[in-house]
């Protein structure tokens, strides 16, 4: 039986690749890659000549079948994306699912490395360790609104393209207000790396007068939760408990009616039983 390696590649600076990643890529029978032209540049720079096989969102099903057969034949397969960690807003998640289902005894290893999300978060000031990563922000405005309201009280991180960033910031301003705070990371680990924080209008004005190109990681800062009298919440919990609502149901109901965190209500409900 073969082995599958999920291998992180640099997000910008090619020197950020790990020694272990180079070893795995050099000894792999097959490297499944998102775009062979992009991957070949990286591999050529380290004189790696392992066989490349395209694996992207448009051919995942077909390639899964081929790669599973290769694993059955005892092949060592490395999965990479154009940049960063496969399976995280990049192809790979389906392959892992399919391999686990078809060949449950196959060893799957992850070779960690650069991540645009963690690189960005290390560079921006934050009050809390908590954050929500939502991948690429939907293009449809009402879908954006659902997500941005859902994660209103937690720092929300997402990917965006440079050519849509200004429009997205305008939508954020409408959904979350002109006083909300955002952070934008551009060209991380590259020569022109840039991180800016401010209101949507401040960021829009800045990029209207400066270069806006490259890969974008963004974050909307969490809004401060309004303080609600705990005794009032406890009183509502008691009423709902007498009506035989569960702690889960109570937390959902009260968090939708009052500016309180669902988990906070849930914990209070458990204490009150």
Protein backbone atom coordinates (compact mmCIF):
# COMPACT_ATOMS: atom_id res chain seq x y z
CA UNK A 1 0.00 0.00 0.00
CA UNK A 2 1.27 3.46 -0.87
CA UNK A 3 1.29 6.64 1.19
CA UNK A 4 -0.28 10.06 0.68
CA UNK A 5 1.56 13.21 1.76
CA UNK A 6 -0.19 16.58 2.06
CA UNK A 7 2.67 19.01 1.46
CA UNK A 8 2.65 22.76 2.14
CA UNK A 9 4.48 24.96 -0.35
CA UNK A 10 5.58 28.61 0.01
CA UNK A 11 2.91 31.31 -0.25
CA UNK A 12 5.32 33.74 -1.93
CA UNK A 13 8.96 33.41 -0.96
CA UNK A 14 10.24 30.10 -2.32
CA UNK A 15 12.84 29.87 0.47
CA UNK A 16 10.04 29.22 2.96
CA UNK A 17 9.77 25.58 1.89
CA UNK A 18 10.87 23.06 4.53
CA UNK A 19 13.67 20.51 4.22
CA UNK A 20 11.17 17.74 4.91
CA UNK A 21 8.89 18.98 2.14
CA UNK A 22 11.81 18.93 -0.31
CA UNK A 23 12.68 15.37 0.72
CA UNK A 24 9.11 14.14 0.24
CA UNK A 25 8.71 15.89 -3.12
CA UNK A 26 12.04 14.51 -4.34
CA UNK A 27 11.14 10.92 -3.45
CA UNK A 28 7.46 10.96 -4.48
CA UNK A 29 6.38 8.75 -7.38
CA UNK A 30 3.67 11.27 -8.25
CA UNK A 31 3.17 14.92 -7.29
CA UNK A 32 -0.48 15.88 -7.65
CA UNK A 33 -0.46 19.64 -8.25
CA UNK A 34 -2.99 22.37 -8.90
CA UNK A 35 -1.21 23.95 -11.88
CA UNK A 36 1.80 22.08 -13.29
CA UNK A 37 3.27 25.28 -14.76
CA UNK A 38 3.32 26.96 -11.34
CA UNK A 39 4.60 23.87 -9.53
CA UNK A 40 7.31 23.17 -12.12
CA UNK A 41 8.93 26.55 -11.43
CA UNK A 42 9.23 25.72 -7.74
CA UNK A 43 10.41 22.15 -8.33
CA UNK A 44 12.92 23.17 -11.00
CA UNK A 45 14.52 25.62 -8.58
CA UNK A 46 15.31 22.65 -6.31
CA UNK A 47 16.14 20.19 -9.15
CA UNK A 48 13.16 17.97 -8.35
CA UNK A 49 12.02 15.87 -11.31
CA UNK A 50 9.22 13.74 -9.84
CA UNK A 51 6.23 13.10 -12.12
CA UNK A 52 3.58 15.83 -12.05
CA UNK A 53 -0.14 15.12 -12.33
CA UNK A 54 -2.68 17.94 -12.49
CA UNK A 55 -5.24 17.87 -9.67
CA UNK A 56 -7.64 20.79 -9.46
CA UNK A 57 -11.29 21.50 -8.66
CA UNK A 58 -12.41 20.72 -12.23
CA UNK A 59 -10.94 17.20 -12.42
CA UNK A 60 -10.98 16.08 -8.77
CA UNK A 61 -13.33 13.12 -9.24
CA UNK A 62 -11.39 11.65 -12.14
CA UNK A 63 -8.02 12.23 -10.49
CA UNK A 64 -9.21 10.73 -7.19
CA UNK A 65 -9.84 7.43 -8.96
CA UNK A 66 -6.38 7.50 -10.58
CA UNK A 67 -4.61 8.44 -7.36
CA UNK A 68 -6.43 5.81 -5.32
CA UNK A 69 -5.35 3.19 -7.87
CA UNK A 70 -1.77 4.47 -7.63
CA UNK A 71 -1.91 4.14 -3.84
CA UNK A 72 -3.19 0.57 -4.21
CA UNK A 73 -0.18 -0.07 -6.45
CA UNK A 74 2.12 1.09 -3.66
CA UNK A 75 2.98 4.54 -5.00
CA UNK A 76 4.10 7.47 -2.83
CA UNK A 77 1.93 10.48 -3.70
CA UNK A 78 2.56 14.07 -2.69
CA UNK A 79 -0.30 16.55 -2.95
CA UNK A 80 0.55 20.24 -3.32
CA UNK A 81 -1.33 23.38 -4.32
CA UNK A 82 -0.03 26.48 -6.10
CA UNK A 83 0.76 28.07 -2.73
CA UNK A 84 0.28 27.26 0.93
CA UNK A 85 -1.50 24.28 2.45
CA UNK A 86 -3.62 21.98 0.26
CA UNK A 87 -7.16 21.24 1.49
CA UNK A 88 -7.50 24.74 3.02
CA UNK A 89 -9.45 26.74 0.41
CA UNK A 90 -7.46 24.73 -2.14
CA UNK A 91 -8.03 21.31 -3.75
CA UNK A 92 -7.35 18.24 -1.63
CA UNK A 93 -10.21 17.85 0.83
CA UNK A 94 -12.12 15.53 -1.51
CA UNK A 95 -9.04 13.38 -2.15
CA UNK A 96 -8.50 12.89 1.58
CA UNK A 97 -12.17 11.91 1.99
CA UNK A 98 -12.05 9.48 -0.92
CA UNK A 99 -8.80 7.85 0.19
CA UNK A 100 -10.11 7.43 3.75
CA UNK A 101 -13.28 5.81 2.40
CA UNK A 102 -11.68 3.55 -0.23
CA UNK A 103 -8.38 2.71 1.48
CA UNK A 104 -8.85 3.26 5.23
CA UNK A 105 -5.49 1.65 6.08
CA UNK A 106 -3.53 4.07 3.87
CA UNK A 107 -1.22 6.33 5.82
CA UNK A 108 -1.86 10.04 5.20
CA UNK A 109 0.81 12.43 6.45
CA UNK A 110 0.86 16.22 6.49
CA UNK A 111 4.08 18.13 5.88
CA UNK A 112 3.28 21.50 7.49
CA UNK A 113 4.49 24.82 6.24
CA UNK A 114 3.46 28.28 5.19
CA UNK A 115 -0.16 29.36 5.53
CA UNK A 116 -1.48 32.72 4.38
CA UNK A 117 -4.01 32.70 7.24
CA UNK A 118 -1.57 32.18 10.11
CA UNK A 119 1.05 34.43 8.51
CA UNK A 120 -1.50 37.22 8.26
CA UNK A 121 -2.85 36.73 11.79
CA UNK A 122 0.67 36.98 13.21
CA UNK A 123 1.04 40.41 11.59
CA UNK A 124 -2.19 42.11 12.69
CA UNK A 125 -3.06 43.39 16.19
CA UNK A 126 -5.86 41.39 17.81
CA UNK A 127 -7.56 41.42 21.21
CA UNK A 128 -8.33 37.71 21.25
CA UNK A 129 -6.93 34.41 19.99
CA UNK A 130 -10.39 33.50 18.68
CA UNK A 131 -11.08 33.92 14.97
CA UNK A 132 -13.28 32.45 12.26
CA UNK A 133 -11.80 31.55 8.87
CA UNK A 134 -14.45 31.40 6.13
CA UNK A 135 -12.30 30.78 3.04
CA UNK A 136 -13.18 32.85 -0.01
CA UNK A 137 -15.98 35.31 0.64
CA UNK A 138 -19.08 34.53 -1.49
CA UNK A 139 -19.64 36.84 -4.44
CA UNK A 140 -23.41 37.15 -3.87
CA UNK A 141 -24.15 40.06 -1.55
CA UNK A 142 -26.92 38.41 0.51
CA UNK A 143 -24.64 35.39 1.13
CA UNK A 144 -21.92 37.78 2.28
CA UNK A 145 -24.42 39.43 4.61
CA UNK A 146 -25.41 36.10 6.23
CA UNK A 147 -21.78 35.25 6.98
CA UNK A 148 -20.79 38.70 8.21
CA UNK A 149 -23.79 38.85 10.55
CA UNK A 150 -23.23 35.28 11.75
CA UNK A 151 -19.63 36.05 12.74
CA UNK A 152 -20.31 39.57 13.98
CA UNK A 153 -18.70 38.99 17.38
CA UNK A 154 -15.55 37.18 16.27
CA UNK A 155 -12.61 38.31 14.12
CA UNK A 156 -13.49 37.02 10.64
CA UNK A 157 -10.71 36.10 8.20
CA UNK A 158 -11.23 35.45 4.50
CA UNK A 159 -9.50 35.43 1.11
CA UNK A 160 -10.38 37.93 -1.60
CA UNK A 161 -9.10 38.78 -5.06
CA UNK A 162 -7.48 42.16 -5.66
CA UNK A 163 -9.97 43.09 -8.38
CA UNK A 164 -12.96 42.56 -6.04
CA UNK A 165 -11.52 43.98 -2.83
CA UNK A 166 -12.90 47.53 -3.17
CA UNK A 167 -16.42 46.26 -3.94
CA UNK A 168 -16.21 43.86 -0.99
CA UNK A 169 -15.14 46.68 1.34
CA UNK A 170 -18.11 48.74 0.16
CA UNK A 171 -20.40 45.79 1.00
CA UNK A 172 -18.77 45.37 4.42
CA UNK A 173 -19.41 49.04 5.10
CA UNK A 174 -23.10 48.60 4.29
CA UNK A 175 -23.48 45.38 6.29
CA UNK A 176 -21.32 46.13 9.33
CA UNK A 177 -21.32 49.93 9.34
CA UNK A 178 -18.81 52.64 8.51
CA UNK A 179 -17.16 52.40 11.94
CA UNK A 180 -16.17 48.74 11.67
CA UNK A 181 -12.47 47.91 11.48
CA UNK A 182 -10.77 45.78 8.85
CA UNK A 183 -7.25 44.55 8.16
CA UNK A 184 -5.86 43.74 4.73
CA UNK A 185 -2.74 41.69 3.96
CA UNK A 186 -1.25 41.79 0.46
CA UNK A 187 1.67 39.91 -1.12
CA UNK A 188 2.59 38.22 2.16
CA UNK A 189 6.23 37.02 2.40
CA UNK A 190 7.03 38.75 -0.92
CA UNK A 191 9.06 41.86 -1.66
CA UNK A 192 6.04 44.18 -1.62
CA UNK A 193 4.34 42.67 1.43
CA UNK A 194 1.86 45.10 2.94
CA UNK A 195 -0.58 45.01 5.86
CA UNK A 196 -3.06 47.84 6.42
CA UNK A 197 -5.72 48.31 9.11
CA UNK A 198 -8.49 50.88 9.36
CA UNK A 199 -12.12 51.56 8.53
CA UNK A 200 -13.44 50.37 5.15
CA UNK A 201 -13.33 53.95 3.86
CA UNK A 202 -9.72 54.40 5.01
CA UNK A 203 -8.65 51.20 3.26
CA UNK A 204 -10.59 52.09 0.10
CA UNK A 205 -9.02 55.55 -0.01
CA UNK A 206 -5.57 54.07 0.52
CA UNK A 207 -5.83 51.55 -2.32
CA UNK A 208 -7.41 54.10 -4.63
CA UNK A 209 -4.02 55.83 -4.45
CA UNK A 210 -1.68 52.84 -4.12
CA UNK A 211 -1.00 49.57 -5.91
CA UNK A 212 -3.66 46.91 -5.42
CA UNK A 213 -2.33 43.65 -6.83
CA UNK A 214 -1.49 40.16 -5.62
CA UNK A 215 -2.98 37.70 -3.17
CA UNK A 216 -5.25 39.23 -0.51
CA UNK A 217 -6.05 38.02 3.01
CA UNK A 218 -8.55 40.15 4.94
CA UNK A 219 -10.08 40.33 8.38
CA UNK A 220 -13.11 42.12 9.79
CA UNK A 221 -12.60 42.86 13.45
CA UNK A 222 -15.18 41.56 15.89
CA UNK A 223 -17.72 43.99 17.24
CA UNK A 224 -17.90 44.39 21.00
CA UNK A 225 -20.90 42.58 22.43
CA UNK A 226 -23.37 44.84 24.19
CA UNK A 227 -23.67 44.18 27.88
CA UNK A 228 -26.93 42.58 28.91
CA UNK A 229 -27.95 42.19 32.53
CA UNK A 230 -27.17 38.58 33.45
CA UNK A 231 -30.07 38.45 35.90
CA UNK A 232 -32.46 39.23 33.04
CA UNK A 233 -31.01 36.39 30.98
CA UNK A 234 -31.24 33.99 33.93
CA UNK A 235 -34.89 34.94 34.37
CA UNK A 236 -35.60 34.18 30.70
CA UNK A 237 -33.69 30.88 31.00
CA UNK A 238 -35.85 29.87 33.96
CA UNK A 239 -39.06 30.62 32.05
CA UNK A 240 -37.93 28.57 29.05
CA UNK A 241 -36.76 25.71 31.26
CA UNK A 242 -40.22 25.56 32.85
CA UNK A 243 -41.56 25.18 29.31
CA UNK A 244 -39.21 22.18 28.88
CA UNK A 245 -36.84 23.77 26.37
CA UNK A 246 -33.37 22.19 26.26
CA UNK A 247 -30.18 24.16 26.98
CA UNK A 248 -29.34 24.07 23.27
CA UNK A 249 -32.77 25.43 22.31
CA UNK A 250 -32.60 28.12 24.99
CA UNK A 251 -29.18 29.29 23.84
CA UNK A 252 -30.41 29.57 20.25
CA UNK A 253 -33.59 31.46 21.21
CA UNK A 254 -32.03 33.97 23.61
CA UNK A 255 -28.94 34.67 21.50
CA UNK A 256 -31.27 35.59 18.64
CA UNK A 257 -33.32 37.94 20.85
CA UNK A 258 -30.56 39.53 22.95
CA UNK A 259 -26.98 40.67 22.22
CA UNK A 260 -25.44 37.74 24.10
CA UNK A 261 -23.18 34.95 22.94
CA UNK A 262 -24.90 31.60 22.29
CA UNK A 263 -22.21 29.68 24.23
CA UNK A 264 -22.61 32.01 27.21
CA UNK A 265 -26.36 31.35 27.36
CA UNK A 266 -25.78 27.61 26.95
CA UNK A 267 -23.38 27.51 29.91
CA UNK A 268 -25.78 29.53 32.05
CA UNK A 269 -28.60 27.17 31.11
CA UNK A 270 -26.60 24.15 32.24
CA UNK A 271 -25.78 25.78 35.57
CA UNK A 272 -29.41 26.57 36.14
CA UNK A 273 -30.71 23.01 35.66
